[in-house]
Amino acid sequence: MRANGRLLALRNPLDVDLVVEGFSFGPNPVYADQKLTLGGRVRNTGIYNSGQFWIEFWGSYNRLYPSLDFLVCSSIQVTNLPPGGTINLSTPQHNKGVKMGG
């Protein structure tokens, strides 16, 4: 399986602007039973608190026409991200060295 680095962000329609910065993962390609390491940040560049949202990483078996086939790791629940606030995806609490299933 090879990931193509696409990210789907669903957000509240308020003046909240969630931006992904420096997103990375490795190894690429990743195979069953390998440790997958995530990196990057999600930042609220808007003028209001974000409200609750989840960050999810999905994998697809089809490289040419990717679909949401399986969750790569547990969702990261964010209860509220203030303006200028960030979530660091490479911190130990969010990045536990996910083992890809076979």
N, C-alpha and C. Protein backbone atom coordinates (compact mmCIF):
# COMPACT_ATOMS: atom_id res chain seq x y z
N MET A 1 0.84 -1.17 0.00
CA MET A 1 0.00 0.00 0.00
C MET A 1 0.89 1.23 0.00
N ARG A 2 0.58 2.19 -0.82
CA ARG A 2 1.31 3.46 -0.85
C ARG A 2 0.28 4.56 -0.58
N ALA A 3 0.61 5.45 0.32
CA ALA A 3 -0.29 6.57 0.62
C ALA A 3 0.06 7.72 -0.30
N ASN A 4 -0.95 8.50 -0.66
CA ASN A 4 -0.69 9.60 -1.58
C ASN A 4 -0.70 10.95 -0.90
N GLY A 5 -0.82 11.01 0.42
CA GLY A 5 -0.73 12.26 1.15
C GLY A 5 -1.95 13.13 1.08
N ARG A 6 -3.09 12.62 0.69
CA ARG A 6 -4.31 13.42 0.67
C ARG A 6 -4.88 13.53 2.07
N LEU A 7 -5.49 14.67 2.38
CA LEU A 7 -6.08 14.90 3.68
C LEU A 7 -7.46 15.48 3.48
N LEU A 8 -8.45 14.92 4.14
CA LEU A 8 -9.82 15.41 4.08
C LEU A 8 -10.10 16.11 5.40
N ALA A 9 -10.46 17.38 5.37
CA ALA A 9 -10.77 18.13 6.58
C ALA A 9 -12.23 18.58 6.53
N LEU A 10 -13.01 18.12 7.49
CA LEU A 10 -14.39 18.54 7.62
C LEU A 10 -14.46 19.47 8.82
N ARG A 11 -15.04 20.65 8.67
CA ARG A 11 -15.02 21.60 9.76
C ARG A 11 -16.33 22.35 9.88
N ASN A 12 -16.48 23.02 11.02
CA ASN A 12 -17.62 23.85 11.30
C ASN A 12 -17.64 25.04 10.33
N PRO A 13 -18.80 25.48 9.84
CA PRO A 13 -18.84 26.57 8.85
C PRO A 13 -18.64 27.97 9.45
N LEU A 14 -18.25 28.10 10.71
CA LEU A 14 -18.00 29.41 11.31
C LEU A 14 -16.70 29.98 10.76
N ASP A 15 -16.29 31.12 11.31
CA ASP A 15 -15.02 31.72 10.90
C ASP A 15 -13.87 31.04 11.62
N VAL A 16 -13.83 29.74 11.48
CA VAL A 16 -12.75 28.91 12.01
C VAL A 16 -12.00 28.41 10.79
N ASP A 17 -10.70 28.52 10.82
CA ASP A 17 -9.91 28.07 9.68
C ASP A 17 -8.85 27.10 10.19
N LEU A 18 -9.10 25.82 10.02
CA LEU A 18 -8.16 24.79 10.45
C LEU A 18 -7.22 24.48 9.29
N VAL A 19 -5.93 24.65 9.53
CA VAL A 19 -4.92 24.50 8.50
C VAL A 19 -3.96 23.40 8.91
N VAL A 20 -3.65 22.52 7.97
CA VAL A 20 -2.65 21.47 8.20
C VAL A 20 -1.30 22.01 7.76
N GLU A 21 -0.32 21.93 8.66
CA GLU A 21 1.01 22.45 8.37
C GLU A 21 2.04 21.33 8.48
N GLY A 22 2.86 21.18 7.49
CA GLY A 22 3.98 20.25 7.53
C GLY A 22 3.59 18.80 7.75
N PHE A 23 2.46 18.37 7.19
CA PHE A 23 2.01 16.99 7.40
C PHE A 23 2.99 16.02 6.76
N SER A 24 3.33 14.98 7.51
CA SER A 24 4.23 13.95 6.99
C SER A 24 3.90 12.61 7.62
N PHE A 25 4.31 11.56 6.97
CA PHE A 25 4.19 10.22 7.53
C PHE A 25 5.25 9.34 6.87
N GLY A 26 5.59 8.30 7.54
CA GLY A 26 6.59 7.41 6.98
C GLY A 26 6.58 6.08 7.71
N PRO A 27 7.06 5.06 7.12
CA PRO A 27 7.63 5.03 5.77
C PRO A 27 6.55 5.13 4.70
N ASN A 28 6.97 5.42 3.49
CA ASN A 28 6.05 5.49 2.36
C ASN A 28 6.75 4.84 1.17
N PRO A 29 6.31 3.69 0.71
CA PRO A 29 5.07 3.01 1.09
C PRO A 29 5.20 2.31 2.44
N VAL A 30 4.05 2.01 3.01
CA VAL A 30 4.00 1.28 4.27
C VAL A 30 3.30 -0.06 4.01
N TYR A 31 3.78 -1.09 4.67
CA TYR A 31 3.23 -2.43 4.49
C TYR A 31 2.69 -2.95 5.81
N ALA A 32 1.94 -4.03 5.75
CA ALA A 32 1.35 -4.63 6.94
C ALA A 32 2.43 -4.87 8.00
N ASP A 33 2.06 -4.57 9.24
CA ASP A 33 2.91 -4.77 10.42
C ASP A 33 4.10 -3.82 10.51
N GLN A 34 4.14 -2.78 9.70
CA GLN A 34 5.17 -1.76 9.84
C GLN A 34 4.67 -0.65 10.75
N LYS A 35 5.60 0.00 11.43
CA LYS A 35 5.28 1.15 12.27
C LYS A 35 5.15 2.38 11.39
N LEU A 36 4.02 3.10 11.49
CA LEU A 36 3.77 4.31 10.74
C LEU A 36 3.90 5.49 11.68
N THR A 37 4.74 6.46 11.32
CA THR A 37 4.96 7.63 12.15
C THR A 37 4.35 8.86 11.48
N LEU A 38 3.56 9.62 12.24
CA LEU A 38 2.89 10.81 11.73
C LEU A 38 3.63 12.06 12.20
N GLY A 39 3.52 13.13 11.42
CA GLY A 39 4.12 14.40 11.79
C GLY A 39 3.30 15.56 11.27
N GLY A 40 3.56 16.75 11.79
CA GLY A 40 2.87 17.95 11.35
C GLY A 40 2.01 18.54 12.45
N ARG A 41 1.26 19.57 12.07
CA ARG A 41 0.40 20.29 13.01
C ARG A 41 -0.93 20.63 12.35
N VAL A 42 -1.95 20.80 13.19
CA VAL A 42 -3.21 21.40 12.76
C VAL A 42 -3.32 22.70 13.56
N ARG A 43 -3.49 23.82 12.83
CA ARG A 43 -3.54 25.14 13.47
C ARG A 43 -4.87 25.82 13.15
N ASN A 44 -5.43 26.49 14.14
CA ASN A 44 -6.62 27.31 13.94
C ASN A 44 -6.15 28.72 13.60
N THR A 45 -6.22 29.08 12.33
CA THR A 45 -5.82 30.42 11.90
C THR A 45 -7.02 31.37 11.83
N GLY A 46 -8.18 30.91 12.30
CA GLY A 46 -9.38 31.73 12.30
C GLY A 46 -9.42 32.67 13.49
N ILE A 47 -10.57 33.33 13.67
CA ILE A 47 -10.72 34.31 14.74
C ILE A 47 -11.61 33.81 15.88
N TYR A 48 -12.12 32.59 15.76
CA TYR A 48 -12.98 32.02 16.79
C TYR A 48 -12.44 30.66 17.23
N ASN A 49 -12.87 30.23 18.41
CA ASN A 49 -12.57 28.87 18.87
C ASN A 49 -13.17 27.88 17.87
N SER A 50 -12.52 26.75 17.73
CA SER A 50 -12.95 25.77 16.73
C SER A 50 -14.21 25.02 17.11
N GLY A 51 -14.43 24.82 18.40
CA GLY A 51 -15.44 23.86 18.80
C GLY A 51 -14.85 22.47 18.66
N GLN A 52 -15.62 21.47 18.99
CA GLN A 52 -15.13 20.09 18.97
C GLN A 52 -14.96 19.56 17.54
N PHE A 53 -13.86 18.86 17.32
CA PHE A 53 -13.66 18.17 16.04
C PHE A 53 -12.73 16.98 16.26
N TRP A 54 -12.64 16.13 15.26
CA TRP A 54 -11.79 14.95 15.31
C TRP A 54 -10.81 14.99 14.15
N ILE A 55 -9.62 14.47 14.39
CA ILE A 55 -8.63 14.30 13.34
C ILE A 55 -8.51 12.80 13.10
N GLU A 56 -8.69 12.39 11.86
CA GLU A 56 -8.64 10.97 11.52
C GLU A 56 -7.71 10.74 10.35
N PHE A 57 -7.07 9.59 10.35
CA PHE A 57 -6.18 9.19 9.27
C PHE A 57 -6.71 7.90 8.68
N TRP A 58 -7.08 7.97 7.42
CA TRP A 58 -7.67 6.83 6.72
C TRP A 58 -6.71 6.30 5.67
N GLY A 59 -6.79 5.03 5.45
CA GLY A 59 -6.01 4.38 4.41
C GLY A 59 -6.91 3.83 3.34
N SER A 60 -6.32 3.62 2.17
CA SER A 60 -7.06 3.07 1.05
C SER A 60 -6.23 1.96 0.40
N TYR A 61 -6.90 0.95 -0.10
CA TYR A 61 -6.22 -0.12 -0.82
C TYR A 61 -5.99 0.25 -2.29
N ASN A 62 -6.70 1.26 -2.77
CA ASN A 62 -6.61 1.64 -4.17
C ASN A 62 -5.85 2.95 -4.30
N ARG A 63 -4.67 2.89 -4.88
CA ARG A 63 -3.83 4.08 -5.01
C ARG A 63 -4.36 5.06 -6.06
N LEU A 64 -4.90 4.57 -7.16
CA LEU A 64 -5.37 5.45 -8.23
C LEU A 64 -6.69 6.14 -7.89
N TYR A 65 -7.59 5.42 -7.21
CA TYR A 65 -8.88 5.98 -6.84
C TYR A 65 -9.10 5.73 -5.35
N PRO A 66 -8.37 6.49 -4.49
CA PRO A 66 -8.43 6.21 -3.05
C PRO A 66 -9.83 6.43 -2.48
N SER A 67 -10.14 5.57 -1.52
CA SER A 67 -11.40 5.68 -0.78
C SER A 67 -11.09 5.48 0.69
N LEU A 68 -12.05 5.71 1.54
CA LEU A 68 -11.87 5.56 2.98
C LEU A 68 -12.10 4.10 3.36
N ASP A 69 -11.07 3.26 3.19
CA ASP A 69 -11.21 1.83 3.41
C ASP A 69 -11.01 1.42 4.87
N PHE A 70 -10.07 2.05 5.58
CA PHE A 70 -9.81 1.67 6.96
C PHE A 70 -9.14 2.82 7.71
N LEU A 71 -9.43 2.89 9.02
CA LEU A 71 -8.76 3.87 9.87
C LEU A 71 -7.34 3.40 10.14
N VAL A 72 -6.38 4.29 10.00
CA VAL A 72 -4.98 3.96 10.22
C VAL A 72 -4.68 3.91 11.71
N CYS A 73 -5.30 4.79 12.49
CA CYS A 73 -5.09 4.82 13.94
C CYS A 73 -6.35 5.39 14.58
N SER A 74 -6.36 5.44 15.89
CA SER A 74 -7.50 5.99 16.61
C SER A 74 -7.68 7.47 16.27
N SER A 75 -8.92 7.93 16.28
CA SER A 75 -9.21 9.34 16.05
C SER A 75 -8.63 10.18 17.17
N ILE A 76 -8.23 11.41 16.83
CA ILE A 76 -7.77 12.37 17.83
C ILE A 76 -8.91 13.34 18.05
N GLN A 77 -9.48 13.32 19.25
CA GLN A 77 -10.58 14.23 19.57
C GLN A 77 -10.00 15.54 20.10
N VAL A 78 -10.44 16.65 19.52
CA VAL A 78 -10.04 17.98 19.96
C VAL A 78 -11.31 18.66 20.47
N THR A 79 -11.34 18.99 21.75
CA THR A 79 -12.55 19.58 22.32
C THR A 79 -12.73 21.03 21.92
N ASN A 80 -11.64 21.78 21.79
CA ASN A 80 -11.73 23.18 21.39
C ASN A 80 -10.33 23.69 21.10
N LEU A 81 -10.13 24.27 19.94
CA LEU A 81 -8.83 24.82 19.57
C LEU A 81 -8.99 26.33 19.42
N PRO A 82 -8.35 27.11 20.29
CA PRO A 82 -8.51 28.57 20.24
C PRO A 82 -7.80 29.15 19.01
N PRO A 83 -8.12 30.40 18.66
CA PRO A 83 -7.40 31.05 17.56
C PRO A 83 -5.90 31.02 17.82
N GLY A 84 -5.13 30.59 16.82
CA GLY A 84 -3.69 30.49 16.96
C GLY A 84 -3.22 29.19 17.61
N GLY A 85 -4.14 28.42 18.16
CA GLY A 85 -3.80 27.16 18.82
C GLY A 85 -3.40 26.09 17.83
N THR A 86 -2.57 25.15 18.28
CA THR A 86 -2.12 24.07 17.41
C THR A 86 -2.25 22.72 18.10
N ILE A 87 -2.38 21.69 17.31
CA ILE A 87 -2.30 20.31 17.74
C ILE A 87 -1.08 19.73 17.03
N ASN A 88 -0.10 19.28 17.78
CA ASN A 88 1.11 18.70 17.21
C ASN A 88 0.89 17.21 17.03
N LEU A 89 0.88 16.75 15.79
CA LEU A 89 0.60 15.35 15.50
C LEU A 89 1.77 14.43 15.81
N SER A 90 2.95 14.98 16.03
CA SER A 90 4.12 14.14 16.29
C SER A 90 4.39 13.95 17.77
N THR A 91 3.55 14.50 18.66
CA THR A 91 3.75 14.29 20.08
C THR A 91 3.40 12.85 20.44
N PRO A 92 4.02 12.31 21.48
CA PRO A 92 3.77 10.90 21.84
C PRO A 92 2.30 10.56 22.06
N GLN A 93 1.51 11.48 22.61
CA GLN A 93 0.11 11.14 22.88
C GLN A 93 -0.69 10.97 21.59
N HIS A 94 -0.26 11.58 20.48
CA HIS A 94 -0.97 11.45 19.21
C HIS A 94 -0.27 10.52 18.23
N ASN A 95 0.96 10.19 18.52
CA ASN A 95 1.75 9.41 17.56
C ASN A 95 2.35 8.22 18.27
N LYS A 96 1.64 7.13 18.24
CA LYS A 96 2.04 5.95 19.00
C LYS A 96 2.67 4.88 18.13
N GLY A 97 3.19 5.27 16.99
CA GLY A 97 3.80 4.26 16.14
C GLY A 97 2.79 3.23 15.70
N VAL A 98 1.86 3.64 14.91
CA VAL A 98 0.74 2.82 14.48
C VAL A 98 1.24 1.61 13.70
N LYS A 99 0.73 0.43 14.02
CA LYS A 99 1.06 -0.79 13.26
C LYS A 99 -0.02 -0.98 12.21
N MET A 100 0.37 -1.05 10.97
CA MET A 100 -0.58 -1.26 9.88
C MET A 100 -1.02 -2.71 9.89
N GLY A 101 -2.33 -2.92 9.80
CA GLY A 101 -2.88 -4.27 9.78
C GLY A 101 -2.69 -4.94 8.43
N GLY A 102 -2.76 -6.23 8.42
CA GLY A 102 -2.55 -6.96 7.17
C GLY A 102 -3.82 -7.48 6.60
